[in-house]
Amino acid sequence: MKLEAQEVADGIRIVVEGDVDMESSPKLRDQIKKSLKSKPQRLSMKMTDVPYIDSSGIAVLIEGMKWSKKKGSEYALVAISDNVRSVLELSKLLAVFTVEEG
């Protein structure tokens, strides 16, 4: 998995590429925590190039949402891949997240 934190007009966007699984999800968790230290107005995850996500990856996304709320930051998943969308739909979590196109 490859991560890139980018400063954008309204906060920080983490671009996630590759599988998000038990092996790589701790790296995403660390990046979310690091990004929230600056208390951004908004934290978003761009997940266009995520072909696979497992339950550990979903757990990290949920944790990120909770941490963002505690910090007073908005949280969104942006341009999620079809596979990520499918996992979120199957787990009945799609409506829990703010999901945006592009």
PDB file of N, CA and C in Angstrom:
ATOM      1  N   MET A   1       0.841  -1.170   0.000  1.00  0.00           N
ATOM      2  CA  MET A   1       0.000   0.000   0.000  1.00  0.00           C
ATOM      3  C   MET A   1       0.889   1.236   0.000  1.00  0.00           C
ATOM      4  N   LYS A   2       0.464   2.233  -0.742  1.00  0.00           N
ATOM      5  CA  LYS A   2       1.172   3.507  -0.819  1.00  0.00           C
ATOM      6  C   LYS A   2       0.246   4.594  -0.291  1.00  0.00           C
ATOM      7  N   LEU A   3       0.785   5.490   0.545  1.00  0.00           N
ATOM      8  CA  LEU A   3       0.014   6.598   1.102  1.00  0.00           C
ATOM      9  C   LEU A   3       0.706   7.909   0.784  1.00  0.00           C
ATOM     10  N   GLU A   4      -0.107   8.906   0.480  1.00  0.00           N
ATOM     11  CA  GLU A   4       0.426  10.251   0.287  1.00  0.00           C
ATOM     12  C   GLU A   4      -0.533  11.239   0.923  1.00  0.00           C
ATOM     13  N   ALA A   5      -0.038  12.000   1.896  1.00  0.00           N
ATOM     14  CA  ALA A   5      -0.850  13.038   2.533  1.00  0.00           C
ATOM     15  C   ALA A   5      -0.634  14.338   1.757  1.00  0.00           C
ATOM     16  N   GLN A   6      -1.739  14.936   1.314  1.00  0.00           N
ATOM     17  CA  GLN A   6      -1.671  16.170   0.536  1.00  0.00           C
ATOM     18  C   GLN A   6      -2.445  17.266   1.250  1.00  0.00           C
ATOM     19  N   GLU A   7      -1.860  18.453   1.280  1.00  0.00           N
ATOM     20  CA  GLU A   7      -2.600  19.596   1.783  1.00  0.00           C
ATOM     21  C   GLU A   7      -3.494  20.088   0.651  1.00  0.00           C
ATOM     22  N   VAL A   8      -4.783  20.225   0.950  1.00  0.00           N
ATOM     23  CA  VAL A   8      -5.745  20.741  -0.014  1.00  0.00           C
ATOM     24  C   VAL A   8      -6.423  21.953   0.618  1.00  0.00           C
ATOM     25  N   ALA A   9      -7.192  22.689  -0.176  1.00  0.00           N
ATOM     26  CA  ALA A   9      -7.772  23.953   0.280  1.00  0.00           C
ATOM     27  C   ALA A   9      -8.532  23.826   1.599  1.00  0.00           C
ATOM     28  N   ASP A  10      -9.239  22.721   1.782  1.00  0.00           N
ATOM     29  CA  ASP A  10     -10.080  22.595   2.976  1.00  0.00           C
ATOM     30  C   ASP A  10      -9.514  21.657   4.045  1.00  0.00           C
ATOM     31  N   GLY A  11      -8.250  21.253   3.911  1.00  0.00           N
ATOM     32  CA  GLY A  11      -7.683  20.375   4.931  1.00  0.00           C
ATOM     33  C   GLY A  11      -6.596  19.465   4.387  1.00  0.00           C
ATOM     34  N   ILE A  12      -6.695  18.193   4.738  1.00  0.00           N
ATOM     35  CA  ILE A  12      -5.705  17.195   4.334  1.00  0.00           C
ATOM     36  C   ILE A  12      -6.414  16.046   3.633  1.00  0.00           C
ATOM     37  N   ARG A  13      -5.834  15.619   2.523  1.00  0.00           N
ATOM     38  CA  ARG A  13      -6.346  14.451   1.799  1.00  0.00           C
ATOM     39  C   ARG A  13      -5.257  13.388   1.818  1.00  0.00           C
ATOM     40  N   ILE A  14      -5.638  12.182   2.229  1.00  0.00           N
ATOM     41  CA  ILE A  14      -4.727  11.044   2.183  1.00  0.00           C
ATOM     42  C   ILE A  14      -5.096  10.219   0.954  1.00  0.00           C
ATOM     43  N   VAL A  15      -4.157  10.120   0.022  1.00  0.00           N
ATOM     44  CA  VAL A  15      -4.361   9.315  -1.178  1.00  0.00           C
ATOM     45  C   VAL A  15      -3.858   7.908  -0.860  1.00  0.00           C
ATOM     46  N   VAL A  16      -4.765   6.945  -0.975  1.00  0.00           N
ATOM     47  CA  VAL A  16      -4.467   5.551  -0.636  1.00  0.00           C
ATOM     48  C   VAL A  16      -4.414   4.747  -1.933  1.00  0.00           C
ATOM     49  N   GLU A  17      -3.332   4.021  -2.142  1.00  0.00           N
ATOM     50  CA  GLU A  17      -3.189   3.164  -3.325  1.00  0.00           C
ATOM     51  C   GLU A  17      -2.762   1.772  -2.882  1.00  0.00           C
ATOM     52  N   GLY A  18      -3.446   0.758  -3.403  1.00  0.00           N
ATOM     53  CA  GLY A  18      -3.097  -0.622  -3.080  1.00  0.00           C
ATOM     54  C   GLY A  18      -4.067  -1.231  -2.086  1.00  0.00           C
ATOM     55  N   ASP A  19      -3.778  -2.465  -1.715  1.00  0.00           N
ATOM     56  CA  ASP A  19      -4.647  -3.202  -0.793  1.00  0.00           C
ATOM     57  C   ASP A  19      -4.566  -2.630   0.619  1.00  0.00           C
ATOM     58  N   VAL A  20      -5.718  -2.562   1.276  1.00  0.00           N
ATOM     59  CA  VAL A  20      -5.777  -2.160   2.682  1.00  0.00           C
ATOM     60  C   VAL A  20      -6.226  -3.404   3.447  1.00  0.00           C
ATOM     61  N   ASP A  21      -5.251  -4.059   4.092  1.00  0.00           N
ATOM     62  CA  ASP A  21      -5.523  -5.323   4.760  1.00  0.00           C
ATOM     63  C   ASP A  21      -4.820  -5.359   6.119  1.00  0.00           C
ATOM     64  N   MET A  22      -4.814  -6.520   6.756  1.00  0.00           N
ATOM     65  CA  MET A  22      -4.216  -6.639   8.091  1.00  0.00           C
ATOM     66  C   MET A  22      -2.761  -6.194   8.117  1.00  0.00           C
ATOM     67  N   GLU A  23      -2.069  -6.433   7.046  1.00  0.00           N
ATOM     68  CA  GLU A  23      -0.653  -6.071   6.998  1.00  0.00           C
ATOM     69  C   GLU A  23      -0.459  -4.563   6.835  1.00  0.00           C
ATOM     70  N   SER A  24      -1.280  -3.930   6.014  1.00  0.00           N
ATOM     71  CA  SER A  24      -1.066  -2.517   5.690  1.00  0.00           C
ATOM     72  C   SER A  24      -1.930  -1.539   6.490  1.00  0.00           C
ATOM     73  N   SER A  25      -3.014  -2.003   7.085  1.00  0.00           N
ATOM     74  CA  SER A  25      -3.920  -1.078   7.770  1.00  0.00           C
ATOM     75  C   SER A  25      -3.264  -0.325   8.942  1.00  0.00           C
ATOM     76  N   PRO A  26      -2.289  -0.898   9.679  1.00  0.00           N
ATOM     77  CA  PRO A  26      -1.638  -0.092  10.721  1.00  0.00           C
ATOM     78  C   PRO A  26      -0.936   1.154  10.157  1.00  0.00           C
ATOM     79  N   LYS A  27      -0.410   1.029   8.952  1.00  0.00           N
ATOM     80  CA  LYS A  27       0.245   2.171   8.303  1.00  0.00           C
ATOM     81  C   LYS A  27      -0.786   3.275   8.021  1.00  0.00           C
ATOM     82  N   LEU A  28      -1.966   2.892   7.570  1.00  0.00           N
ATOM     83  CA  LEU A  28      -3.033   3.874   7.319  1.00  0.00           C
ATOM     84  C   LEU A  28      -3.474   4.495   8.644  1.00  0.00           C
ATOM     85  N   ARG A  29      -3.629   3.690   9.662  1.00  0.00           N
ATOM     86  CA  ARG A  29      -4.008   4.199  10.995  1.00  0.00           C
ATOM     87  C   ARG A  29      -3.008   5.266  11.457  1.00  0.00           C
ATOM     88  N   ASP A  30      -1.707   4.969  11.324  1.00  0.00           N
ATOM     89  CA  ASP A  30      -0.670   5.919  11.734  1.00  0.00           C
ATOM     90  C   ASP A  30      -0.757   7.215  10.934  1.00  0.00           C
ATOM     91  N   GLN A  31      -1.020   7.098   9.634  1.00  0.00           N
ATOM     92  CA  GLN A  31      -1.112   8.290   8.791  1.00  0.00           C
ATOM     93  C   GLN A  31      -2.324   9.146   9.168  1.00  0.00           C
ATOM     94  N   ILE A  32      -3.434   8.515   9.475  1.00  0.00           N
ATOM     95  CA  ILE A  32      -4.630   9.256   9.903  1.00  0.00           C
ATOM     96  C   ILE A  32      -4.327  10.010  11.202  1.00  0.00           C
ATOM     97  N   LYS A  33      -3.740   9.328  12.173  1.00  0.00           N
ATOM     98  CA  LYS A  33      -3.403   9.968  13.453  1.00  0.00           C
ATOM     99  C   LYS A  33      -2.463  11.156  13.232  1.00  0.00           C
ATOM    100  N   LYS A  34      -1.441  10.953  12.413  1.00  0.00           N
ATOM    101  CA  LYS A  34      -0.471  12.011  12.128  1.00  0.00           C
ATOM    102  C   LYS A  34      -1.164  13.207  11.464  1.00  0.00           C
ATOM    103  N   SER A  35      -2.044  12.937  10.526  1.00  0.00           N
ATOM    104  CA  SER A  35      -2.735  14.004   9.804  1.00  0.00           C
ATOM    105  C   SER A  35      -3.666  14.797  10.714  1.00  0.00           C
ATOM    106  N   LEU A  36      -4.262  14.135  11.681  1.00  0.00           N
ATOM    107  CA  LEU A  36      -5.198  14.813  12.582  1.00  0.00           C
ATOM    108  C   LEU A  36      -4.499  15.651  13.655  1.00  0.00           C
ATOM    109  N   LYS A  37      -3.193  15.468  13.836  1.00  0.00           N
ATOM    110  CA  LYS A  37      -2.467  16.253  14.836  1.00  0.00           C
ATOM    111  C   LYS A  37      -2.548  17.750  14.549  1.00  0.00           C
ATOM    112  N   SER A  38      -2.618  18.118  13.275  1.00  0.00           N
ATOM    113  CA  SER A  38      -2.684  19.533  12.910  1.00  0.00           C
ATOM    114  C   SER A  38      -4.114  20.081  12.979  1.00  0.00           C
ATOM    115  N   LYS A  39      -5.055  19.246  13.397  1.00  0.00           N
ATOM    116  CA  LYS A  39      -6.468  19.616  13.512  1.00  0.00           C
ATOM    117  C   LYS A  39      -6.994  20.261  12.225  1.00  0.00           C
ATOM    118  N   PRO A  40      -6.953  19.515  11.120  1.00  0.00           N
ATOM    119  CA  PRO A  40      -7.437  20.081   9.856  1.00  0.00           C
ATOM    120  C   PRO A  40      -8.944  20.308   9.906  1.00  0.00           C
ATOM    121  N   GLN A  41      -9.403  21.242   9.103  1.00  0.00           N
ATOM    122  CA  GLN A  41     -10.839  21.475   8.986  1.00  0.00           C
ATOM    123  C   GLN A  41     -11.523  20.221   8.463  1.00  0.00           C
ATOM    124  N   ARG A  42     -10.807  19.513   7.585  1.00  0.00           N
ATOM    125  CA  ARG A  42     -11.378  18.342   6.936  1.00  0.00           C
ATOM    126  C   ARG A  42     -10.276  17.332   6.646  1.00  0.00           C
ATOM    127  N   LEU A  43     -10.581  16.056   6.853  1.00  0.00           N
ATOM    128  CA  LEU A  43      -9.685  14.965   6.491  1.00  0.00           C
ATOM    129  C   LEU A  43     -10.438  14.078   5.516  1.00  0.00           C
ATOM    130  N   SER A  44      -9.833  13.863   4.354  1.00  0.00           N
ATOM    131  CA  SER A  44     -10.485  13.004   3.361  1.00  0.00           C
ATOM    132  C   SER A  44      -9.528  11.910   2.918  1.00  0.00           C
ATOM    133  N   MET A  45     -10.121  10.792   2.522  1.00  0.00           N
ATOM    134  CA  MET A  45      -9.381   9.633   2.030  1.00  0.00           C
ATOM    135  C   MET A  45      -9.750   9.419   0.569  1.00  0.00           C
ATOM    136  N   LYS A  46      -8.794   9.582  -0.325  1.00  0.00           N
ATOM    137  CA  LYS A  46      -9.050   9.283  -1.736  1.00  0.00           C
ATOM    138  C   LYS A  46      -8.679   7.827  -1.961  1.00  0.00           C
ATOM    139  N   MET A  47      -9.669   7.025  -2.377  1.00  0.00           N
ATOM    140  CA  MET A  47      -9.482   5.574  -2.449  1.00  0.00           C
ATOM    141  C   MET A  47      -9.782   5.008  -3.831  1.00  0.00           C
ATOM    142  N   THR A  48      -9.465   5.785  -4.854  1.00  0.00           N
ATOM    143  CA  THR A  48      -9.707   5.367  -6.235  1.00  0.00           C
ATOM    144  C   THR A  48      -8.947   4.094  -6.587  1.00  0.00           C
ATOM    145  N   ASP A  49      -7.709   4.009  -6.123  1.00  0.00           N
ATOM    146  CA  ASP A  49      -6.827   2.902  -6.500  1.00  0.00           C
ATOM    147  C   ASP A  49      -6.661   1.880  -5.379  1.00  0.00           C
ATOM    148  N   VAL A  50      -7.767   1.541  -4.724  1.00  0.00           N
ATOM    149  CA  VAL A  50      -7.762   0.511  -3.687  1.00  0.00           C
ATOM    150  C   VAL A  50      -8.545  -0.692  -4.221  1.00  0.00           C
ATOM    151  N   PRO A  51      -7.827  -1.718  -4.703  1.00  0.00           N
ATOM    152  CA  PRO A  51      -8.520  -2.874  -5.275  1.00  0.00           C
ATOM    153  C   PRO A  51      -9.117  -3.818  -4.234  1.00  0.00           C
ATOM    154  N   TYR A  52      -8.614  -3.736  -2.974  1.00  0.00           N
ATOM    155  CA  TYR A  52      -9.064  -4.679  -1.949  1.00  0.00           C
ATOM    156  C   TYR A  52      -8.998  -4.007  -0.585  1.00  0.00           C
ATOM    157  N   ILE A  53     -10.036  -4.213   0.208  1.00  0.00           N
ATOM    158  CA  ILE A  53     -10.032  -3.756   1.600  1.00  0.00           C
ATOM    159  C   ILE A  53     -10.701  -4.837   2.440  1.00  0.00           C
ATOM    160  N   ASP A  54     -10.093  -5.156   3.579  1.00  0.00           N
ATOM    161  CA  ASP A  54     -10.681  -6.170   4.456  1.00  0.00           C
ATOM    162  C   ASP A  54     -11.241  -5.505   5.713  1.00  0.00           C
ATOM    163  N   SER A  55     -11.665  -6.329   6.655  1.00  0.00           N
ATOM    164  CA  SER A  55     -12.314  -5.792   7.856  1.00  0.00           C
ATOM    165  C   SER A  55     -11.371  -4.918   8.690  1.00  0.00           C
ATOM    166  N   SER A  56     -10.083  -5.217   8.670  1.00  0.00           N
ATOM    167  CA  SER A  56      -9.142  -4.375   9.419  1.00  0.00           C
ATOM    168  C   SER A  56      -9.042  -2.988   8.790  1.00  0.00           C
ATOM    169  N   GLY A  57      -9.119  -2.931   7.477  1.00  0.00           N
ATOM    170  CA  GLY A  57      -9.120  -1.640   6.784  1.00  0.00           C
ATOM    171  C   GLY A  57     -10.379  -0.853   7.064  1.00  0.00           C
ATOM    172  N   ILE A  58     -11.510  -1.536   7.070  1.00  0.00           N
ATOM    173  CA  ILE A  58     -12.786  -0.875   7.393  1.00  0.00           C
ATOM    174  C   ILE A  58     -12.739  -0.348   8.826  1.00  0.00           C
ATOM    175  N   ALA A  59     -12.168  -1.132   9.733  1.00  0.00           N
ATOM    176  CA  ALA A  59     -12.059  -0.701  11.129  1.00  0.00           C
ATOM    177  C   ALA A  59     -11.236   0.582  11.243  1.00  0.00           C
ATOM    178  N   VAL A  60     -10.158   0.682  10.470  1.00  0.00           N
ATOM    179  CA  VAL A  60      -9.327   1.890  10.492  1.00  0.00           C
ATOM    180  C   VAL A  60     -10.114   3.093   9.955  1.00  0.00           C
ATOM    181  N   LEU A  61     -10.912   2.886   8.914  1.00  0.00           N
ATOM    182  CA  LEU A  61     -11.733   3.984   8.392  1.00  0.00           C
ATOM    183  C   LEU A  61     -12.733   4.464   9.439  1.00  0.00           C
ATOM    184  N   ILE A  62     -13.312   3.537  10.166  1.00  0.00           N
ATOM    185  CA  ILE A  62     -14.264   3.900  11.229  1.00  0.00           C
ATOM    186  C   ILE A  62     -13.536   4.647  12.349  1.00  0.00           C
ATOM    187  N   GLU A  63     -12.370   4.141  12.745  1.00  0.00           N
ATOM    188  CA  GLU A  63     -11.581   4.835  13.774  1.00  0.00           C
ATOM    189  C   GLU A  63     -11.253   6.256  13.329  1.00  0.00           C
ATOM    190  N   GLY A  64     -10.837   6.399  12.082  1.00  0.00           N
ATOM    191  CA  GLY A  64     -10.509   7.721  11.549  1.00  0.00           C
ATOM    192  C   GLY A  64     -11.685   8.671  11.617  1.00  0.00           C
ATOM    193  N   MET A  65     -12.865   8.154  11.318  1.00  0.00           N
ATOM    194  CA  MET A  65     -14.070   8.973  11.384  1.00  0.00           C
ATOM    195  C   MET A  65     -14.326   9.420  12.824  1.00  0.00           C
ATOM    196  N   LYS A  66     -14.176   8.505  13.774  1.00  0.00           N
ATOM    197  CA  LYS A  66     -14.390   8.832  15.193  1.00  0.00           C
ATOM    198  C   LYS A  66     -13.358   9.846  15.683  1.00  0.00           C
ATOM    199  N   TRP A  67     -12.098   9.632  15.338  1.00  0.00           N
ATOM    200  CA  TRP A  67     -11.041  10.560  15.759  1.00  0.00           C
ATOM    201  C   TRP A  67     -11.266  11.944  15.158  1.00  0.00           C
ATOM    202  N   SER A  68     -11.679  11.985  13.890  1.00  0.00           N
ATOM    203  CA  SER A  68     -11.941  13.266  13.229  1.00  0.00           C
ATOM    204  C   SER A  68     -13.051  14.022  13.953  1.00  0.00           C
ATOM    205  N   LYS A  69     -14.089  13.303  14.307  1.00  0.00           N
ATOM    206  CA  LYS A  69     -15.215  13.929  14.999  1.00  0.00           C
ATOM    207  C   LYS A  69     -14.747  14.526  16.336  1.00  0.00           C
ATOM    208  N   LYS A  70     -13.912  13.780  17.063  1.00  0.00           N
ATOM    209  CA  LYS A  70     -13.384  14.273  18.343  1.00  0.00           C
ATOM    210  C   LYS A  70     -12.564  15.550  18.159  1.00  0.00           C
ATOM    211  N   LYS A  71     -11.848  15.635  17.052  1.00  0.00           N
ATOM    212  CA  LYS A  71     -11.005  16.804  16.771  1.00  0.00           C
ATOM    213  C   LYS A  71     -11.804  17.952  16.158  1.00  0.00           C
ATOM    214  N   GLY A  72     -13.065  17.693  15.819  1.00  0.00           N
ATOM    215  CA  GLY A  72     -13.882  18.719  15.186  1.00  0.00           C
ATOM    216  C   GLY A  72     -13.622  18.854  13.693  1.00  0.00           C
ATOM    217  N   SER A  73     -13.048  17.824  13.095  1.00  0.00           N
ATOM    218  CA  SER A  73     -12.747  17.830  11.657  1.00  0.00           C
ATOM    219  C   SER A  73     -13.819  17.057  10.890  1.00  0.00           C
ATOM    220  N   GLU A  74     -14.141  17.538   9.706  1.00  0.00           N
ATOM    221  CA  GLU A  74     -15.006  16.762   8.816  1.00  0.00           C
ATOM    222  C   GLU A  74     -14.199  15.568   8.306  1.00  0.00           C
ATOM    223  N   TYR A  75     -14.902  14.525   7.863  1.00  0.00           N
ATOM    224  CA  TYR A  75     -14.242  13.297   7.408  1.00  0.00           C
ATOM    225  C   TYR A  75     -15.017  12.761   6.217  1.00  0.00           C
ATOM    226  N   ALA A  76     -14.309  12.440   5.150  1.00  0.00           N
ATOM    227  CA  ALA A  76     -14.985  11.932   3.957  1.00  0.00           C
ATOM    228  C   ALA A  76     -14.116  10.914   3.228  1.00  0.00           C
ATOM    229  N   LEU A  77     -14.784  10.004   2.551  1.00  0.00           N
ATOM    230  CA  LEU A  77     -14.134   9.080   1.625  1.00  0.00           C
ATOM    231  C   LEU A  77     -14.420   9.622   0.239  1.00  0.00           C
ATOM    232  N   VAL A  78     -13.383   9.766  -0.575  1.00  0.00           N
ATOM    233  CA  VAL A  78     -13.516  10.419  -1.876  1.00  0.00           C
ATOM    234  C   VAL A  78     -13.138   9.451  -2.987  1.00  0.00           C
ATOM    235  N   ALA A  79     -13.962   9.425  -4.011  1.00  0.00           N
ATOM    236  CA  ALA A  79     -13.676   8.633  -5.219  1.00  0.00           C
ATOM    237  C   ALA A  79     -13.293   7.197  -4.867  1.00  0.00           C
ATOM    238  N   ILE A  80     -14.133   6.543  -4.089  1.00  0.00           N
ATOM    239  CA  ILE A  80     -13.812   5.170  -3.682  1.00  0.00           C
ATOM    240  C   ILE A  80     -13.953   4.216  -4.867  1.00  0.00           C
ATOM    241  N   SER A  81     -13.142   3.197  -4.859  1.00  0.00           N
ATOM    242  CA  SER A  81     -13.191   2.195  -5.926  1.00  0.00           C
ATOM    243  C   SER A  81     -14.479   1.373  -5.809  1.00  0.00           C
ATOM    244  N   ASP A  82     -14.828   0.703  -6.879  1.00  0.00           N
ATOM    245  CA  ASP A  82     -16.021  -0.154  -6.866  1.00  0.00           C
ATOM    246  C   ASP A  82     -15.911  -1.241  -5.805  1.00  0.00           C
ATOM    247  N   ASN A  83     -14.702  -1.765  -5.616  1.00  0.00           N
ATOM    248  CA  ASN A  83     -14.519  -2.822  -4.617  1.00  0.00           C
ATOM    249  C   ASN A  83     -14.719  -2.300  -3.197  1.00  0.00           C
ATOM    250  N   VAL A  84     -14.212  -1.114  -2.909  1.00  0.00           N
ATOM    251  CA  VAL A  84     -14.416  -0.521  -1.582  1.00  0.00           C
ATOM    252  C   VAL A  84     -15.905  -0.241  -1.375  1.00  0.00           C
ATOM    253  N   ARG A  85     -16.546   0.308  -2.392  1.00  0.00           N
ATOM    254  CA  ARG A  85     -17.991   0.583  -2.312  1.00  0.00           C
ATOM    255  C   ARG A  85     -18.764  -0.701  -2.024  1.00  0.00           C
ATOM    256  N   SER A  86     -18.401  -1.778  -2.702  1.00  0.00           N
ATOM    257  CA  SER A  86     -19.080  -3.055  -2.527  1.00  0.00           C
ATOM    258  C   SER A  86     -18.943  -3.571  -1.089  1.00  0.00           C
ATOM    259  N   VAL A  87     -17.735  -3.493  -0.530  1.00  0.00           N
ATOM    260  CA  VAL A  87     -17.514  -3.952   0.849  1.00  0.00           C
ATOM    261  C   VAL A  87     -18.325  -3.097   1.822  1.00  0.00           C
ATOM    262  N   LEU A  88     -18.342  -1.789   1.607  1.00  0.00           N
ATOM    263  CA  LEU A  88     -19.115  -0.902   2.487  1.00  0.00           C
ATOM    264  C   LEU A  88     -20.615  -1.177   2.373  1.00  0.00           C
ATOM    265  N   GLU A  89     -21.084  -1.471   1.165  1.00  0.00           N
ATOM    266  CA  GLU A  89     -22.503  -1.809   0.989  1.00  0.00           C
ATOM    267  C   GLU A  89     -22.843  -3.125   1.675  1.00  0.00           C
ATOM    268  N   LEU A  90     -22.008  -4.139   1.479  1.00  0.00           N
ATOM    269  CA  LEU A  90     -22.257  -5.453   2.077  1.00  0.00           C
ATOM    270  C   LEU A  90     -22.246  -5.397   3.602  1.00  0.00           C
ATOM    271  N   SER A  91     -21.407  -4.535   4.142  1.00  0.00           N
ATOM    272  CA  SER A  91     -21.315  -4.424   5.596  1.00  0.00           C
ATOM    273  C   SER A  91     -22.287  -3.390   6.171  1.00  0.00           C
ATOM    274  N   LYS A  92     -23.144  -2.856   5.293  1.00  0.00           N
ATOM    275  CA  LYS A  92     -24.161  -1.866   5.707  1.00  0.00           C
ATOM    276  C   LYS A  92     -23.534  -0.608   6.307  1.00  0.00           C
ATOM    277  N   LEU A  93     -22.347  -0.245   5.818  1.00  0.00           N
ATOM    278  CA  LEU A  93     -21.646   0.921   6.344  1.00  0.00           C
ATOM    279  C   LEU A  93     -21.578   2.092   5.361  1.00  0.00           C
ATOM    280  N   LEU A  94     -22.061   1.887   4.155  1.00  0.00           N
ATOM    281  CA  LEU A  94     -21.952   2.949   3.155  1.00  0.00           C
ATOM    282  C   LEU A  94     -22.629   4.234   3.637  1.00  0.00           C
ATOM    283  N   ALA A  95     -23.767   4.111   4.282  1.00  0.00           N
ATOM    284  CA  ALA A  95     -24.512   5.289   4.746  1.00  0.00           C
ATOM    285  C   ALA A  95     -23.873   5.932   5.984  1.00  0.00           C
ATOM    286  N   VAL A  96     -22.963   5.218   6.639  1.00  0.00           N
ATOM    287  CA  VAL A  96     -22.310   5.750   7.829  1.00  0.00           C
ATOM    288  C   VAL A  96     -21.275   6.820   7.460  1.00  0.00           C
ATOM    289  N   PHE A  97     -20.639   6.642   6.313  1.00  0.00           N
ATOM    290  CA  PHE A  97     -19.584   7.540   5.867  1.00  0.00           C
ATOM    291  C   PHE A  97     -20.137   8.613   4.927  1.00  0.00           C
ATOM    292  N   THR A  98     -19.457   9.759   4.913  1.00  0.00           N
ATOM    293  CA  THR A  98     -19.670  10.741   3.848  1.00  0.00           C
ATOM    294  C   THR A  98     -18.827  10.270   2.682  1.00  0.00           C
ATOM    295  N   VAL A  99     -19.496   9.921   1.576  1.00  0.00           N
ATOM    296  CA  VAL A  99     -18.807   9.421   0.387  1.00  0.00           C
ATOM    297  C   VAL A  99     -19.048  10.405  -0.744  1.00  0.00           C
ATOM    298  N   GLU A 100     -17.948  10.865  -1.352  1.00  0.00           N
ATOM    299  CA  GLU A 100     -18.035  11.866  -2.415  1.00  0.00           C
ATOM    300  C   GLU A 100     -17.372  11.335  -3.679  1.00  0.00           C
ATOM    301  N   GLU A 101     -17.876  11.801  -4.803  1.00  0.00           N
ATOM    302  CA  GLU A 101     -17.264  11.463  -6.091  1.00  0.00           C
ATOM    303  C   GLU A 101     -16.056  12.383  -6.329  1.00  0.00           C
ATOM    304  N   GLY A 102     -15.160  11.938  -7.209  1.00  0.00           N
ATOM    305  CA  GLY A 102     -14.043  12.781  -7.636  1.00  0.00           C
ATOM    306  C   GLY A 102     -13.131  13.147  -6.579  1.00  0.00           C
TER     307      GLY A 102
END
